[in-house]
Amino acid sequence: MATNTTVLILVTAMAALVLTGALALVVYKTRNQQRHGKGDMIRDQSDENAQVEVDVKTVHRSEAVTSRDQLNELRDQADNLTADSPST
C-alpha cells in the first residue's frame, strides 16, 4: 500500500503543478490583453488631444491674422485720412 500511496501523491502533485501552470498562463494572457487594450485607448486619447491642440492653434493663428488684417486696414484708413487732410 505504500507504493500506491506514493504513486497517488506523485500524480496529485503533478496534476496540481499542471493546473497551476495553466492558471498562470491564462492570467498572463488576460493581463497582457487588458494592457494592450488600455494602451490603444491611451494612444487614441493622445491622438485626439494632439488634434484638438492643433485645431486650437489654427484658430488662434487665424484670429491673429484676422486681427492683424483689421489693424492694417485701420492704419491704411488713418494714413489716407491724414494724407487727404490739408496740412497747417
N, C-alpha and C. Protein backbone atom coordinates (compact mmCIF):
# COMPACT_ATOMS: atom_id res chain seq x y z
N MET A 1 0.80 -1.18 0.00
CA MET A 1 0.00 0.00 0.00
C MET A 1 0.85 1.26 0.00
N ALA A 2 2.01 1.19 0.45
CA ALA A 2 2.90 2.33 0.47
C ALA A 2 3.24 2.76 -0.94
N THR A 3 3.38 1.80 -1.85
CA THR A 3 3.68 2.14 -3.24
C THR A 3 2.50 2.85 -3.88
N ASN A 4 1.29 2.37 -3.63
CA ASN A 4 0.10 3.01 -4.19
C ASN A 4 -0.07 4.44 -3.64
N THR A 5 0.19 4.61 -2.39
CA THR A 5 0.09 5.94 -1.78
C THR A 5 1.12 6.89 -2.38
N THR A 6 2.32 6.41 -2.57
CA THR A 6 3.38 7.23 -3.16
C THR A 6 3.01 7.62 -4.58
N VAL A 7 2.52 6.70 -5.35
CA VAL A 7 2.11 6.99 -6.74
C VAL A 7 0.97 7.98 -6.75
N LEU A 8 -0.01 7.81 -5.88
CA LEU A 8 -1.14 8.72 -5.81
C LEU A 8 -0.69 10.14 -5.43
N ILE A 9 0.23 10.26 -4.50
CA ILE A 9 0.76 11.57 -4.10
C ILE A 9 1.51 12.22 -5.26
N LEU A 10 2.31 11.43 -5.98
CA LEU A 10 3.05 11.98 -7.12
C LEU A 10 2.10 12.43 -8.23
N VAL A 11 1.09 11.64 -8.54
CA VAL A 11 0.12 12.00 -9.59
C VAL A 11 -0.64 13.25 -9.19
N THR A 12 -1.04 13.34 -7.94
CA THR A 12 -1.76 14.52 -7.45
C THR A 12 -0.87 15.76 -7.51
N ALA A 13 0.37 15.64 -7.12
CA ALA A 13 1.31 16.76 -7.18
C ALA A 13 1.53 17.22 -8.61
N MET A 14 1.68 16.26 -9.52
CA MET A 14 1.88 16.61 -10.94
C MET A 14 0.63 17.31 -11.50
N ALA A 15 -0.54 16.81 -11.14
CA ALA A 15 -1.78 17.44 -11.60
C ALA A 15 -1.89 18.87 -11.05
N ALA A 16 -1.51 19.05 -9.80
CA ALA A 16 -1.55 20.39 -9.20
C ALA A 16 -0.58 21.32 -9.91
N LEU A 17 0.60 20.84 -10.25
CA LEU A 17 1.57 21.66 -10.98
C LEU A 17 1.06 22.04 -12.37
N VAL A 18 0.45 21.08 -13.06
CA VAL A 18 -0.09 21.36 -14.39
C VAL A 18 -1.21 22.38 -14.31
N LEU A 19 -2.12 22.22 -13.34
CA LEU A 19 -3.22 23.18 -13.18
C LEU A 19 -2.70 24.57 -12.80
N THR A 20 -1.70 24.62 -11.95
CA THR A 20 -1.10 25.90 -11.57
C THR A 20 -0.46 26.58 -12.78
N GLY A 21 0.24 25.79 -13.60
CA GLY A 21 0.85 26.34 -14.82
C GLY A 21 -0.19 26.85 -15.79
N ALA A 22 -1.29 26.08 -15.96
CA ALA A 22 -2.37 26.51 -16.86
C ALA A 22 -3.00 27.79 -16.35
N LEU A 23 -3.25 27.88 -15.06
CA LEU A 23 -3.82 29.09 -14.48
C LEU A 23 -2.90 30.29 -14.66
N ALA A 24 -1.61 30.09 -14.45
CA ALA A 24 -0.65 31.18 -14.64
C ALA A 24 -0.64 31.66 -16.10
N LEU A 25 -0.74 30.73 -17.03
CA LEU A 25 -0.76 31.09 -18.45
C LEU A 25 -2.00 31.90 -18.80
N VAL A 26 -3.16 31.48 -18.28
CA VAL A 26 -4.41 32.21 -18.54
C VAL A 26 -4.34 33.61 -17.96
N VAL A 27 -3.83 33.73 -16.74
CA VAL A 27 -3.72 35.05 -16.10
C VAL A 27 -2.76 35.94 -16.89
N TYR A 28 -1.65 35.40 -17.35
CA TYR A 28 -0.67 36.17 -18.12
C TYR A 28 -1.29 36.69 -19.41
N LYS A 29 -1.97 35.82 -20.14
CA LYS A 29 -2.57 36.25 -21.42
C LYS A 29 -3.67 37.27 -21.20
N THR A 30 -4.47 37.09 -20.17
CA THR A 30 -5.56 38.02 -19.89
C THR A 30 -5.01 39.40 -19.52
N ARG A 31 -4.03 39.44 -18.66
CA ARG A 31 -3.44 40.73 -18.27
C ARG A 31 -2.79 41.41 -19.46
N ASN A 32 -2.15 40.63 -20.31
CA ASN A 32 -1.48 41.19 -21.49
C ASN A 32 -2.51 41.82 -22.43
N GLN A 33 -3.65 41.16 -22.62
CA GLN A 33 -4.70 41.70 -23.48
C GLN A 33 -5.28 42.98 -22.89
N GLN A 34 -5.48 43.00 -21.56
CA GLN A 34 -6.01 44.20 -20.92
C GLN A 34 -5.04 45.36 -21.07
N ARG A 35 -3.77 45.10 -20.90
CA ARG A 35 -2.77 46.16 -21.06
C ARG A 35 -2.74 46.66 -22.49
N HIS A 36 -2.85 45.75 -23.43
CA HIS A 36 -2.85 46.14 -24.84
C HIS A 36 -4.06 47.02 -25.14
N GLY A 37 -5.21 46.64 -24.59
CA GLY A 37 -6.42 47.44 -24.79
C GLY A 37 -6.30 48.81 -24.19
N LYS A 38 -5.73 48.89 -22.99
CA LYS A 38 -5.54 50.18 -22.34
C LYS A 38 -4.53 51.03 -23.11
N GLY A 39 -3.51 50.38 -23.64
CA GLY A 39 -2.51 51.11 -24.43
C GLY A 39 -3.13 51.74 -25.66
N ASP A 40 -4.01 50.99 -26.34
CA ASP A 40 -4.69 51.53 -27.51
C ASP A 40 -5.58 52.70 -27.12
N MET A 41 -6.28 52.56 -25.99
CA MET A 41 -7.17 53.62 -25.55
C MET A 41 -6.37 54.88 -25.23
N ILE A 42 -5.27 54.73 -24.53
CA ILE A 42 -4.43 55.88 -24.18
C ILE A 42 -3.84 56.51 -25.44
N ARG A 43 -3.42 55.68 -26.39
CA ARG A 43 -2.86 56.18 -27.64
C ARG A 43 -3.93 56.97 -28.41
N ASP A 44 -5.17 56.47 -28.46
CA ASP A 44 -6.25 57.16 -29.15
C ASP A 44 -6.55 58.50 -28.49
N GLN A 45 -6.59 58.52 -27.15
CA GLN A 45 -6.83 59.77 -26.45
C GLN A 45 -5.70 60.77 -26.71
N SER A 46 -4.49 60.28 -26.77
CA SER A 46 -3.35 61.16 -27.04
C SER A 46 -3.47 61.76 -28.44
N ASP A 47 -3.85 60.92 -29.41
CA ASP A 47 -4.03 61.42 -30.78
C ASP A 47 -5.14 62.47 -30.84
N GLU A 48 -6.24 62.21 -30.12
CA GLU A 48 -7.34 63.17 -30.11
C GLU A 48 -6.90 64.48 -29.47
N ASN A 49 -6.16 64.39 -28.37
CA ASN A 49 -5.68 65.61 -27.70
C ASN A 49 -4.74 66.39 -28.60
N ALA A 50 -3.89 65.69 -29.32
CA ALA A 50 -2.96 66.36 -30.23
C ALA A 50 -3.74 67.07 -31.34
N GLN A 51 -4.79 66.43 -31.84
CA GLN A 51 -5.59 67.04 -32.90
C GLN A 51 -6.32 68.28 -32.38
N VAL A 52 -6.85 68.20 -31.17
CA VAL A 52 -7.52 69.35 -30.58
C VAL A 52 -6.52 70.49 -30.40
N GLU A 53 -5.33 70.16 -29.96
CA GLU A 53 -4.30 71.19 -29.77
C GLU A 53 -3.96 71.86 -31.10
N VAL A 54 -3.85 71.09 -32.16
CA VAL A 54 -3.58 71.65 -33.48
C VAL A 54 -4.74 72.54 -33.92
N ASP A 55 -5.97 72.08 -33.68
CA ASP A 55 -7.13 72.88 -34.05
C ASP A 55 -7.17 74.21 -33.31
N VAL A 56 -6.85 74.17 -32.01
CA VAL A 56 -6.85 75.40 -31.21
C VAL A 56 -5.77 76.36 -31.72
N LYS A 57 -4.59 75.83 -32.01
CA LYS A 57 -3.52 76.68 -32.53
C LYS A 57 -3.91 77.29 -33.87
N THR A 58 -4.59 76.51 -34.70
CA THR A 58 -5.03 77.01 -36.00
C THR A 58 -6.03 78.14 -35.84
N VAL A 59 -6.97 77.96 -34.90
CA VAL A 59 -7.97 79.01 -34.65
C VAL A 59 -7.29 80.27 -34.15
N HIS A 60 -6.36 80.11 -33.20
CA HIS A 60 -5.66 81.29 -32.68
C HIS A 60 -4.86 81.98 -33.77
N ARG A 61 -4.21 81.20 -34.61
CA ARG A 61 -3.43 81.78 -35.70
C ARG A 61 -4.36 82.52 -36.66
N SER A 62 -5.51 81.91 -36.95
CA SER A 62 -6.47 82.54 -37.86
C SER A 62 -6.99 83.84 -37.26
N GLU A 63 -7.29 83.82 -35.95
CA GLU A 63 -7.76 85.03 -35.30
C GLU A 63 -6.68 86.11 -35.31
N ALA A 64 -5.44 85.70 -35.11
CA ALA A 64 -4.34 86.67 -35.12
C ALA A 64 -4.18 87.29 -36.50
N VAL A 65 -4.31 86.49 -37.53
CA VAL A 65 -4.20 87.01 -38.90
C VAL A 65 -5.34 87.97 -39.18
N THR A 66 -6.55 87.60 -38.75
CA THR A 66 -7.70 88.47 -38.96
C THR A 66 -7.51 89.78 -38.22
N SER A 67 -7.06 89.72 -36.98
CA SER A 67 -6.83 90.94 -36.21
C SER A 67 -5.75 91.79 -36.86
N ARG A 68 -4.69 91.17 -37.33
CA ARG A 68 -3.61 91.89 -37.99
C ARG A 68 -4.14 92.56 -39.27
N ASP A 69 -4.96 91.85 -40.04
CA ASP A 69 -5.53 92.43 -41.25
C ASP A 69 -6.42 93.62 -40.91
N GLN A 70 -7.22 93.49 -39.85
CA GLN A 70 -8.08 94.61 -39.46
C GLN A 70 -7.25 95.81 -39.02
N LEU A 71 -6.19 95.55 -38.26
CA LEU A 71 -5.32 96.66 -37.85
C LEU A 71 -4.66 97.33 -39.05
N ASN A 72 -4.23 96.52 -40.01
CA ASN A 72 -3.61 97.09 -41.21
C ASN A 72 -4.62 97.95 -41.98
N GLU A 73 -5.86 97.48 -42.07
CA GLU A 73 -6.89 98.27 -42.76
C GLU A 73 -7.14 99.60 -42.03
N LEU A 74 -7.23 99.54 -40.70
CA LEU A 74 -7.43 100.77 -39.93
C LEU A 74 -6.25 101.72 -40.09
N ARG A 75 -5.04 101.18 -40.10
CA ARG A 75 -3.84 102.00 -40.28
C ARG A 75 -3.85 102.65 -41.66
N ASP A 76 -4.25 101.86 -42.68
CA ASP A 76 -4.32 102.41 -44.03
C ASP A 76 -5.36 103.52 -44.11
N GLN A 77 -6.50 103.29 -43.46
CA GLN A 77 -7.53 104.33 -43.46
C GLN A 77 -7.03 105.60 -42.77
N ALA A 78 -6.34 105.41 -41.65
CA ALA A 78 -5.79 106.57 -40.93
C ALA A 78 -4.76 107.28 -41.79
N ASP A 79 -3.92 106.50 -42.49
CA ASP A 79 -2.92 107.12 -43.37
C ASP A 79 -3.60 107.89 -44.49
N ASN A 80 -4.66 107.31 -45.04
CA ASN A 80 -5.39 108.00 -46.11
C ASN A 80 -6.04 109.28 -45.61
N LEU A 81 -6.58 109.22 -44.39
CA LEU A 81 -7.22 110.43 -43.83
C LEU A 81 -6.19 111.51 -43.57
N THR A 82 -5.04 111.12 -43.05
CA THR A 82 -4.02 112.15 -42.78
C THR A 82 -3.40 112.66 -44.08
N ALA A 83 -3.35 111.83 -45.09
CA ALA A 83 -2.79 112.28 -46.38
C ALA A 83 -3.77 113.20 -47.08
N ASP A 84 -5.07 112.97 -46.90
CA ASP A 84 -6.10 113.80 -47.55
C ASP A 84 -6.32 115.13 -46.83
N SER A 85 -6.00 115.22 -45.56
CA SER A 85 -6.26 116.45 -44.82
C SER A 85 -5.17 117.47 -45.15
N PRO A 86 -5.59 118.74 -45.24
CA PRO A 86 -4.60 119.79 -45.53
C PRO A 86 -3.70 120.02 -44.33
N SER A 87 -2.44 120.23 -44.61
CA SER A 87 -1.51 120.47 -43.52
C SER A 87 -1.54 121.94 -43.16
N THR A 88 -1.32 122.24 -41.95
CA THR A 88 -1.39 123.63 -41.48
C THR A 88 -0.05 124.26 -41.34
